[in-house]
Amino acid sequence: MADYEALILGLKVVTEMGVTRHAHLELTPTQELYYVTSPWPFSIWDLDFMGVINPPSSEGHKFILVATKYYTKWVEAISLKIAI
């Protein structure tokens, strides 16, 4: 019981001194926020073309075309015999 009383007394002293448990957090942005310039921000795709893959696949495909949707991170990939 004496331990709890000492703890409560210590908390009262610290509170009276103005010491807080958590640091002050700045909740405002550090710089001005800008709007997204795309009219359809959720329909942006990224296309990556990779090749020449060596050795080629059993069907003779040497290239890979990868499409990634930015918002959902959905990935589609196809293999190609010739570069487009």
Protein backbone atom coordinates (compact mmCIF):
# COMPACT_ATOMS: atom_id res chain seq x y z
CA MET A 1 0.00 0.00 0.00
CA ALA A 2 2.88 2.36 0.71
CA ASP A 3 4.18 1.83 -2.84
CA TYR A 4 0.89 3.05 -4.31
CA GLU A 5 0.82 6.09 -2.04
CA ALA A 6 4.38 7.00 -3.08
CA LEU A 7 3.44 6.59 -6.74
CA ILE A 8 0.37 8.82 -6.37
CA LEU A 9 2.40 11.43 -4.48
CA GLY A 10 5.07 11.37 -7.22
CA LEU A 11 2.42 11.85 -9.92
CA LYS A 12 0.95 14.80 -8.06
CA VAL A 13 4.39 16.44 -7.74
CA VAL A 14 5.16 15.93 -11.44
CA THR A 15 1.73 17.28 -12.45
CA GLU A 16 2.21 20.38 -10.29
CA MET A 17 5.59 20.99 -11.94
CA GLY A 18 3.89 21.07 -15.35
CA VAL A 19 5.67 18.02 -16.75
CA THR A 20 3.51 16.11 -19.17
CA ARG A 21 3.79 12.48 -20.09
CA HIS A 22 3.72 13.05 -23.84
CA ALA A 23 5.61 15.55 -25.93
CA HIS A 24 3.72 18.32 -27.72
CA LEU A 25 2.86 17.15 -31.24
CA GLU A 26 2.43 19.61 -34.08
CA LEU A 27 -0.70 18.53 -35.94
CA THR A 28 -0.51 21.01 -38.80
CA PRO A 29 1.29 20.06 -42.02
CA THR A 30 4.87 21.29 -42.36
CA GLN A 31 4.16 22.61 -45.85
CA GLU A 32 1.20 23.64 -47.94
CA LEU A 33 -0.90 20.74 -49.24
CA TYR A 34 -1.56 20.48 -52.97
CA TYR A 35 -4.48 18.93 -54.82
CA VAL A 36 -4.03 15.86 -56.99
CA THR A 37 -3.79 17.12 -60.55
CA SER A 38 -5.19 14.02 -62.25
CA PRO A 39 -8.92 14.18 -63.05
CA TRP A 40 -9.16 10.45 -62.28
CA PRO A 41 -6.58 9.83 -59.55
CA PHE A 42 -7.69 6.24 -58.98
CA SER A 43 -7.36 5.10 -62.59
CA ILE A 44 -3.65 5.67 -63.23
CA TRP A 45 -1.66 2.74 -64.62
CA ASP A 46 2.08 2.18 -64.92
CA LEU A 47 3.46 0.09 -67.82
CA ASP A 48 6.84 -1.65 -67.59
CA PHE A 49 8.44 -3.52 -70.46
CA MET A 50 11.15 -6.08 -69.62
CA GLY A 51 13.32 -8.03 -71.98
CA VAL A 52 15.23 -9.75 -73.51
CA ILE A 53 14.70 -12.64 -71.06
CA ASN A 54 17.37 -15.26 -71.50
CA PRO A 55 16.76 -18.16 -71.89
CA PRO A 56 13.34 -17.69 -73.53
CA SER A 57 10.32 -19.65 -72.32
CA SER A 58 9.39 -23.03 -73.78
CA GLU A 59 6.95 -21.19 -76.10
CA GLY A 60 9.65 -18.79 -77.31
CA HIS A 61 8.56 -15.73 -75.29
CA LYS A 62 11.45 -13.32 -74.68
CA PHE A 63 9.71 -10.21 -73.30
CA ILE A 64 7.36 -9.36 -70.40
CA LEU A 65 4.84 -6.51 -70.32
CA VAL A 66 3.68 -5.56 -66.79
CA ALA A 67 0.81 -3.16 -65.98
CA THR A 68 0.33 -1.92 -62.40
CA LYS A 69 -2.65 0.10 -61.17
CA TYR A 70 -1.33 2.77 -58.78
CA TYR A 71 -4.24 3.00 -56.35
CA THR A 72 -5.01 -0.68 -55.80
CA LYS A 73 -1.52 -2.04 -56.68
CA TRP A 74 -3.22 -4.55 -59.00
CA VAL A 75 -0.68 -6.18 -61.32
CA GLU A 76 -1.23 -7.76 -64.73
CA ALA A 77 1.61 -9.33 -66.73
CA ILE A 78 1.86 -11.01 -70.12
CA SER A 79 4.78 -12.62 -71.92
CA LEU A 80 5.51 -11.73 -75.55
CA LYS A 81 7.47 -13.34 -78.37
CA ILE A 82 8.35 -10.03 -80.05
CA ALA A 83 8.77 -6.48 -78.75
CA ILE A 84 5.78 -4.31 -79.52
